[in-house]
Amino acid sequence: MSLKEKRNRPRTPDVEPDLLEQGISQLELEIRTLQDWIGSIGPGEVEHRRSYEDMLRSRQEMLVSLKRQQTELAQKSSK
């Protein structure tokens, strides 16, 4: 794919609604798990906390992205 084609392609690819729902559910589960882990980390485990917080932030960003795609897909299908 050329650079021009990459620039002109849609920003969000079409994704199956079921796949989006599965991804959202999985990320929500992972986020809850990470939040529990972070809550159980002792004050002296700074590196572990930082690592888990980075993972949590990443998953939260992915979740926002998937929910945005889900909303856009719902709006497309209702037209």
PDB file of N, CA and C in Angstrom:
ATOM      1  N   MET A   1       0.849  -1.168   0.000  1.00  0.00           N
ATOM      2  CA  MET A   1       0.000   0.000   0.000  1.00  0.00           C
ATOM      3  C   MET A   1       0.897   1.235   0.000  1.00  0.00           C
ATOM      4  N   SER A   2       0.607   2.142  -0.922  1.00  0.00           N
ATOM      5  CA  SER A   2       1.417   3.355  -1.018  1.00  0.00           C
ATOM      6  C   SER A   2       1.088   4.315   0.123  1.00  0.00           C
ATOM      7  N   LEU A   3       1.968   5.274   0.319  1.00  0.00           N
ATOM      8  CA  LEU A   3       1.766   6.265   1.376  1.00  0.00           C
ATOM      9  C   LEU A   3       0.480   7.056   1.128  1.00  0.00           C
ATOM     10  N   LYS A   4       0.216   7.381  -0.128  1.00  0.00           N
ATOM     11  CA  LYS A   4      -0.996   8.130  -0.462  1.00  0.00           C
ATOM     12  C   LYS A   4      -2.244   7.309  -0.140  1.00  0.00           C
ATOM     13  N   GLU A   5      -2.209   6.013  -0.451  1.00  0.00           N
ATOM     14  CA  GLU A   5      -3.347   5.143  -0.140  1.00  0.00           C
ATOM     15  C   GLU A   5      -3.563   5.044   1.372  1.00  0.00           C
ATOM     16  N   LYS A   6      -2.468   4.971   2.116  1.00  0.00           N
ATOM     17  CA  LYS A   6      -2.580   4.890   3.574  1.00  0.00           C
ATOM     18  C   LYS A   6      -3.210   6.154   4.141  1.00  0.00           C
ATOM     19  N   ARG A   7      -2.844   7.312   3.587  1.00  0.00           N
ATOM     20  CA  ARG A   7      -3.398   8.576   4.070  1.00  0.00           C
ATOM     21  C   ARG A   7      -4.879   8.707   3.757  1.00  0.00           C
ATOM     22  N   ASN A   8      -5.308   8.124   2.645  1.00  0.00           N
ATOM     23  CA  ASN A   8      -6.693   8.279   2.207  1.00  0.00           C
ATOM     24  C   ASN A   8      -7.631   7.189   2.706  1.00  0.00           C
ATOM     25  N   ARG A   9      -7.110   6.187   3.373  1.00  0.00           N
ATOM     26  CA  ARG A   9      -7.992   5.124   3.856  1.00  0.00           C
ATOM     27  C   ARG A   9      -8.775   5.621   5.075  1.00  0.00           C
ATOM     28  N   PRO A  10      -9.898   4.994   5.340  1.00  0.00           N
ATOM     29  CA  PRO A  10     -10.693   5.418   6.499  1.00  0.00           C
ATOM     30  C   PRO A  10      -9.899   5.259   7.795  1.00  0.00           C
ATOM     31  N   ARG A  11     -10.131   6.162   8.739  1.00  0.00           N
ATOM     32  CA  ARG A  11      -9.394   6.121  10.007  1.00  0.00           C
ATOM     33  C   ARG A  11      -9.776   4.907  10.838  1.00  0.00           C
ATOM     34  N   THR A  12     -11.021   4.517  10.802  1.00  0.00           N
ATOM     35  CA  THR A  12     -11.434   3.346  11.569  1.00  0.00           C
ATOM     36  C   THR A  12     -11.917   2.272  10.610  1.00  0.00           C
ATOM     37  N   PRO A  13     -11.267   1.133  10.616  1.00  0.00           N
ATOM     38  CA  PRO A  13     -11.694   0.053   9.732  1.00  0.00           C
ATOM     39  C   PRO A  13     -13.028  -0.516  10.213  1.00  0.00           C
ATOM     40  N   ASP A  14     -13.768  -1.093   9.283  1.00  0.00           N
ATOM     41  CA  ASP A  14     -15.015  -1.745   9.673  1.00  0.00           C
ATOM     42  C   ASP A  14     -14.689  -2.990  10.479  1.00  0.00           C
ATOM     43  N   VAL A  15     -15.308  -3.087  11.625  1.00  0.00           N
ATOM     44  CA  VAL A  15     -15.079  -4.209  12.524  1.00  0.00           C
ATOM     45  C   VAL A  15     -16.431  -4.826  12.834  1.00  0.00           C
ATOM     46  N   GLU A  16     -16.460  -6.136  12.931  1.00  0.00           N
ATOM     47  CA  GLU A  16     -17.703  -6.825  13.258  1.00  0.00           C
ATOM     48  C   GLU A  16     -18.168  -6.420  14.653  1.00  0.00           C
ATOM     49  N   PRO A  17     -19.460  -6.137  14.824  1.00  0.00           N
ATOM     50  CA  PRO A  17     -19.977  -5.726  16.138  1.00  0.00           C
ATOM     51  C   PRO A  17     -19.678  -6.737  17.249  1.00  0.00           C
ATOM     52  N   ASP A  18     -19.790  -8.028  16.945  1.00  0.00           N
ATOM     53  CA  ASP A  18     -19.512  -9.053  17.965  1.00  0.00           C
ATOM     54  C   ASP A  18     -18.056  -9.007  18.408  1.00  0.00           C
ATOM     55  N   LEU A  19     -17.172  -8.782  17.463  1.00  0.00           N
ATOM     56  CA  LEU A  19     -15.748  -8.709  17.782  1.00  0.00           C
ATOM     57  C   LEU A  19     -15.452  -7.486  18.656  1.00  0.00           C
ATOM     58  N   LEU A  20     -16.092  -6.376  18.352  1.00  0.00           N
ATOM     59  CA  LEU A  20     -15.939  -5.178  19.181  1.00  0.00           C
ATOM     60  C   LEU A  20     -16.426  -5.445  20.600  1.00  0.00           C
ATOM     61  N   GLU A  21     -17.581  -6.080  20.720  1.00  0.00           N
ATOM     62  CA  GLU A  21     -18.145  -6.375  22.039  1.00  0.00           C
ATOM     63  C   GLU A  21     -17.223  -7.296  22.838  1.00  0.00           C
ATOM     64  N   GLN A  22     -16.652  -8.293  22.178  1.00  0.00           N
ATOM     65  CA  GLN A  22     -15.712  -9.199  22.856  1.00  0.00           C
ATOM     66  C   GLN A  22     -14.470  -8.446  23.314  1.00  0.00           C
ATOM     67  N   GLY A  23     -13.959  -7.580  22.461  1.00  0.00           N
ATOM     68  CA  GLY A  23     -12.777  -6.796  22.812  1.00  0.00           C
ATOM     69  C   GLY A  23     -13.041  -5.872  23.990  1.00  0.00           C
ATOM     70  N   ILE A  24     -14.206  -5.246  23.990  1.00  0.00           N
ATOM     71  CA  ILE A  24     -14.579  -4.351  25.089  1.00  0.00           C
ATOM     72  C   ILE A  24     -14.695  -5.132  26.390  1.00  0.00           C
ATOM     73  N   SER A  25     -15.353  -6.279  26.343  1.00  0.00           N
ATOM     74  CA  SER A  25     -15.495  -7.110  27.551  1.00  0.00           C
ATOM     75  C   SER A  25     -14.142  -7.556  28.077  1.00  0.00           C
ATOM     76  N   GLN A  26     -13.269  -7.972  27.180  1.00  0.00           N
ATOM     77  CA  GLN A  26     -11.937  -8.427  27.583  1.00  0.00           C
ATOM     78  C   GLN A  26     -11.142  -7.288  28.227  1.00  0.00           C
ATOM     79  N   LEU A  27     -11.178  -6.121  27.611  1.00  0.00           N
ATOM     80  CA  LEU A  27     -10.448  -4.981  28.171  1.00  0.00           C
ATOM     81  C   LEU A  27     -11.005  -4.564  29.526  1.00  0.00           C
ATOM     82  N   GLU A  28     -12.323  -4.587  29.678  1.00  0.00           N
ATOM     83  CA  GLU A  28     -12.915  -4.239  30.973  1.00  0.00           C
ATOM     84  C   GLU A  28     -12.462  -5.210  32.058  1.00  0.00           C
ATOM     85  N   LEU A  29     -12.380  -6.492  31.720  1.00  0.00           N
ATOM     86  CA  LEU A  29     -11.896  -7.497  32.670  1.00  0.00           C
ATOM     87  C   LEU A  29     -10.430  -7.243  33.028  1.00  0.00           C
ATOM     88  N   GLU A  30      -9.609  -6.974  32.023  1.00  0.00           N
ATOM     89  CA  GLU A  30      -8.191  -6.706  32.267  1.00  0.00           C
ATOM     90  C   GLU A  30      -8.001  -5.441  33.106  1.00  0.00           C
ATOM     91  N   ILE A  31      -8.818  -4.426  32.862  1.00  0.00           N
ATOM     92  CA  ILE A  31      -8.726  -3.180  33.627  1.00  0.00           C
ATOM     93  C   ILE A  31      -9.056  -3.431  35.094  1.00  0.00           C
ATOM     94  N   ARG A  32     -10.127  -4.185  35.353  1.00  0.00           N
ATOM     95  CA  ARG A  32     -10.477  -4.505  36.747  1.00  0.00           C
ATOM     96  C   ARG A  32      -9.361  -5.292  37.425  1.00  0.00           C
ATOM     97  N   THR A  33      -8.779  -6.249  36.702  1.00  0.00           N
ATOM     98  CA  THR A  33      -7.688  -7.054  37.253  1.00  0.00           C
ATOM     99  C   THR A  33      -6.490  -6.176  37.590  1.00  0.00           C
ATOM    100  N   LEU A  34      -6.109  -5.302  36.669  1.00  0.00           N
ATOM    101  CA  LEU A  34      -4.978  -4.406  36.917  1.00  0.00           C
ATOM    102  C   LEU A  34      -5.251  -3.468  38.086  1.00  0.00           C
ATOM    103  N   GLN A  35      -6.466  -2.965  38.177  1.00  0.00           N
ATOM    104  CA  GLN A  35      -6.812  -2.092  39.303  1.00  0.00           C
ATOM    105  C   GLN A  35      -6.683  -2.838  40.631  1.00  0.00           C
ATOM    106  N   ASP A  36      -7.106  -4.104  40.647  1.00  0.00           N
ATOM    107  CA  ASP A  36      -6.957  -4.922  41.861  1.00  0.00           C
ATOM    108  C   ASP A  36      -5.487  -5.126  42.199  1.00  0.00           C
ATOM    109  N   TRP A  37      -4.675  -5.429  41.180  1.00  0.00           N
ATOM    110  CA  TRP A  37      -3.240  -5.642  41.406  1.00  0.00           C
ATOM    111  C   TRP A  37      -2.601  -4.371  41.952  1.00  0.00           C
ATOM    112  N   ILE A  38      -2.936  -3.243  41.348  1.00  0.00           N
ATOM    113  CA  ILE A  38      -2.361  -1.969  41.790  1.00  0.00           C
ATOM    114  C   ILE A  38      -2.754  -1.693  43.242  1.00  0.00           C
ATOM    115  N   GLY A  39      -3.991  -2.020  43.580  1.00  0.00           N
ATOM    116  CA  GLY A  39      -4.457  -1.810  44.944  1.00  0.00           C
ATOM    117  C   GLY A  39      -3.748  -2.670  45.970  1.00  0.00           C
ATOM    118  N   SER A  40      -3.198  -3.799  45.522  1.00  0.00           N
ATOM    119  CA  SER A  40      -2.543  -4.710  46.466  1.00  0.00           C
ATOM    120  C   SER A  40      -1.027  -4.523  46.529  1.00  0.00           C
ATOM    121  N   ILE A  41      -0.492  -3.614  45.721  1.00  0.00           N
ATOM    122  CA  ILE A  41       0.957  -3.391  45.704  1.00  0.00           C
ATOM    123  C   ILE A  41       1.367  -2.580  46.926  1.00  0.00           C
ATOM    124  N   GLY A  42       2.423  -3.033  47.560  1.00  0.00           N
ATOM    125  CA  GLY A  42       2.940  -2.328  48.734  1.00  0.00           C
ATOM    126  C   GLY A  42       3.651  -1.040  48.363  1.00  0.00           C
ATOM    127  N   PRO A  43       3.852  -0.165  49.339  1.00  0.00           N
ATOM    128  CA  PRO A  43       4.474   1.141  49.077  1.00  0.00           C
ATOM    129  C   PRO A  43       5.914   1.043  48.569  1.00  0.00           C
ATOM    130  N   GLY A  44       6.598  -0.047  48.857  1.00  0.00           N
ATOM    131  CA  GLY A  44       7.989  -0.175  48.432  1.00  0.00           C
ATOM    132  C   GLY A  44       8.163  -0.721  47.029  1.00  0.00           C
ATOM    133  N   GLU A  45       7.076  -1.063  46.369  1.00  0.00           N
ATOM    134  CA  GLU A  45       7.158  -1.681  45.040  1.00  0.00           C
ATOM    135  C   GLU A  45       6.834  -0.665  43.941  1.00  0.00           C
ATOM    136  N   VAL A  46       7.631   0.367  43.891  1.00  0.00           N
ATOM    137  CA  VAL A  46       7.395   1.484  42.971  1.00  0.00           C
ATOM    138  C   VAL A  46       7.456   1.037  41.512  1.00  0.00           C
ATOM    139  N   GLU A  47       8.436   0.221  41.164  1.00  0.00           N
ATOM    140  CA  GLU A  47       8.586  -0.222  39.769  1.00  0.00           C
ATOM    141  C   GLU A  47       7.389  -1.058  39.318  1.00  0.00           C
ATOM    142  N   HIS A  48       6.926  -1.955  40.189  1.00  0.00           N
ATOM    143  CA  HIS A  48       5.755  -2.761  39.842  1.00  0.00           C
ATOM    144  C   HIS A  48       4.531  -1.870  39.643  1.00  0.00           C
ATOM    145  N   ARG A  49       4.357  -0.924  40.549  1.00  0.00           N
ATOM    146  CA  ARG A  49       3.218  -0.009  40.452  1.00  0.00           C
ATOM    147  C   ARG A  49       3.272   0.770  39.136  1.00  0.00           C
ATOM    148  N   ARG A  50       4.426   1.293  38.806  1.00  0.00           N
ATOM    149  CA  ARG A  50       4.578   2.074  37.575  1.00  0.00           C
ATOM    150  C   ARG A  50       4.260   1.210  36.349  1.00  0.00           C
ATOM    151  N   SER A  51       4.756  -0.010  36.360  1.00  0.00           N
ATOM    152  CA  SER A  51       4.520  -0.920  35.246  1.00  0.00           C
ATOM    153  C   SER A  51       3.029  -1.231  35.086  1.00  0.00           C
ATOM    154  N   TYR A  52       2.373  -1.573  36.201  1.00  0.00           N
ATOM    155  CA  TYR A  52       0.943  -1.884  36.143  1.00  0.00           C
ATOM    156  C   TYR A  52       0.118  -0.652  35.773  1.00  0.00           C
ATOM    157  N   GLU A  53       0.523   0.511  36.242  1.00  0.00           N
ATOM    158  CA  GLU A  53      -0.202   1.735  35.893  1.00  0.00           C
ATOM    159  C   GLU A  53      -0.062   2.048  34.408  1.00  0.00           C
ATOM    160  N   ASP A  54       1.112   1.775  33.833  1.00  0.00           N
ATOM    161  CA  ASP A  54       1.298   1.950  32.388  1.00  0.00           C
ATOM    162  C   ASP A  54       0.391   0.996  31.615  1.00  0.00           C
ATOM    163  N   MET A  55       0.344  -0.265  32.067  1.00  0.00           N
ATOM    164  CA  MET A  55      -0.531  -1.251  31.416  1.00  0.00           C
ATOM    165  C   MET A  55      -1.992  -0.822  31.524  1.00  0.00           C
ATOM    166  N   LEU A  56      -2.373  -0.339  32.693  1.00  0.00           N
ATOM    167  CA  LEU A  56      -3.748   0.104  32.921  1.00  0.00           C
ATOM    168  C   LEU A  56      -4.096   1.266  31.993  1.00  0.00           C
ATOM    169  N   ARG A  57      -3.218   2.242  31.913  1.00  0.00           N
ATOM    170  CA  ARG A  57      -3.444   3.407  31.048  1.00  0.00           C
ATOM    171  C   ARG A  57      -3.600   2.972  29.589  1.00  0.00           C
ATOM    172  N   SER A  58      -2.756   2.060  29.156  1.00  0.00           N
ATOM    173  CA  SER A  58      -2.812   1.569  27.785  1.00  0.00           C
ATOM    174  C   SER A  58      -4.148   0.885  27.493  1.00  0.00           C
ATOM    175  N   ARG A  59      -4.587   0.049  28.414  1.00  0.00           N
ATOM    176  CA  ARG A  59      -5.857  -0.653  28.217  1.00  0.00           C
ATOM    177  C   ARG A  59      -7.042   0.310  28.269  1.00  0.00           C
ATOM    178  N   GLN A  60      -6.961   1.321  29.105  1.00  0.00           N
ATOM    179  CA  GLN A  60      -8.034   2.313  29.156  1.00  0.00           C
ATOM    180  C   GLN A  60      -8.121   3.079  27.837  1.00  0.00           C
ATOM    181  N   GLU A  61      -6.977   3.390  27.250  1.00  0.00           N
ATOM    182  CA  GLU A  61      -6.966   4.074  25.953  1.00  0.00           C
ATOM    183  C   GLU A  61      -7.550   3.178  24.866  1.00  0.00           C
ATOM    184  N   MET A  62      -7.182   1.895  24.892  1.00  0.00           N
ATOM    185  CA  MET A  62      -7.736   0.955  23.911  1.00  0.00           C
ATOM    186  C   MET A  62      -9.249   0.837  24.078  1.00  0.00           C
ATOM    187  N   LEU A  63      -9.711   0.804  25.326  1.00  0.00           N
ATOM    188  CA  LEU A  63     -11.143   0.692  25.597  1.00  0.00           C
ATOM    189  C   LEU A  63     -11.893   1.903  25.043  1.00  0.00           C
ATOM    190  N   VAL A  64     -11.357   3.084  25.252  1.00  0.00           N
ATOM    191  CA  VAL A  64     -11.982   4.302  24.717  1.00  0.00           C
ATOM    192  C   VAL A  64     -12.065   4.210  23.194  1.00  0.00           C
ATOM    193  N   SER A  65     -11.001   3.736  22.576  1.00  0.00           N
ATOM    194  CA  SER A  65     -10.967   3.610  21.122  1.00  0.00           C
ATOM    195  C   SER A  65     -12.018   2.613  20.624  1.00  0.00           C
ATOM    196  N   LEU A  66     -12.114   1.465  21.286  1.00  0.00           N
ATOM    197  CA  LEU A  66     -13.098   0.462  20.869  1.00  0.00           C
ATOM    198  C   LEU A  66     -14.525   0.958  21.078  1.00  0.00           C
ATOM    199  N   LYS A  67     -14.769   1.647  22.176  1.00  0.00           N
ATOM    200  CA  LYS A  67     -16.116   2.174  22.420  1.00  0.00           C
ATOM    201  C   LYS A  67     -16.472   3.246  21.395  1.00  0.00           C
ATOM    202  N   ARG A  68     -15.487   4.035  20.989  1.00  0.00           N
ATOM    203  CA  ARG A  68     -15.716   5.044  19.951  1.00  0.00           C
ATOM    204  C   ARG A  68     -16.082   4.351  18.632  1.00  0.00           C
ATOM    205  N   GLN A  69     -15.343   3.291  18.298  1.00  0.00           N
ATOM    206  CA  GLN A  69     -15.649   2.543  17.078  1.00  0.00           C
ATOM    207  C   GLN A  69     -17.044   1.934  17.153  1.00  0.00           C
ATOM    208  N   GLN A  70     -17.401   1.428  18.329  1.00  0.00           N
ATOM    209  CA  GLN A  70     -18.715   0.824  18.513  1.00  0.00           C
ATOM    210  C   GLN A  70     -19.817   1.869  18.292  1.00  0.00           C
ATOM    211  N   THR A  71     -19.617   3.061  18.816  1.00  0.00           N
ATOM    212  CA  THR A  71     -20.586   4.146  18.647  1.00  0.00           C
ATOM    213  C   THR A  71     -20.699   4.543  17.181  1.00  0.00           C
ATOM    214  N   GLU A  72     -19.560   4.678  16.515  1.00  0.00           N
ATOM    215  CA  GLU A  72     -19.565   5.044  15.095  1.00  0.00           C
ATOM    216  C   GLU A  72     -20.253   3.975  14.262  1.00  0.00           C
ATOM    217  N   LEU A  73     -20.009   2.720  14.587  1.00  0.00           N
ATOM    218  CA  LEU A  73     -20.626   1.616  13.858  1.00  0.00           C
ATOM    219  C   LEU A  73     -22.136   1.618  14.070  1.00  0.00           C
ATOM    220  N   ALA A  74     -22.569   1.886  15.289  1.00  0.00           N
ATOM    221  CA  ALA A  74     -24.002   1.941  15.591  1.00  0.00           C
ATOM    222  C   ALA A  74     -24.662   3.092  14.831  1.00  0.00           C
ATOM    223  N   GLN A  75     -23.975   4.223  14.747  1.00  0.00           N
ATOM    224  CA  GLN A  75     -24.524   5.371  14.022  1.00  0.00           C
ATOM    225  C   GLN A  75     -24.613   5.079  12.530  1.00  0.00           C
ATOM    226  N   LYS A  76     -23.593   4.393  11.995  1.00  0.00           N
ATOM    227  CA  LYS A  76     -23.599   4.023  10.574  1.00  0.00           C
ATOM    228  C   LYS A  76     -24.767   3.101  10.257  1.00  0.00           C
ATOM    229  N   SER A  77     -24.967   2.106  11.118  1.00  0.00           N
ATOM    230  CA  SER A  77     -25.991   1.100  10.841  1.00  0.00           C
ATOM    231  C   SER A  77     -27.402   1.637  11.045  1.00  0.00           C
ATOM    232  N   SER A  78     -27.550   2.722  11.801  1.00  0.00           N
ATOM    233  CA  SER A  78     -28.883   3.290  12.020  1.00  0.00           C
ATOM    234  C   SER A  78     -29.296   4.238  10.897  1.00  0.00           C
ATOM    235  N   LYS A  79     -28.373   4.552  10.007  1.00  0.00           N
ATOM    236  CA  LYS A  79     -28.682   5.467   8.889  1.00  0.00           C
ATOM    237  C   LYS A  79     -29.301   4.735   7.737  1.00  0.00           C
TER     238      LYS A  79
END
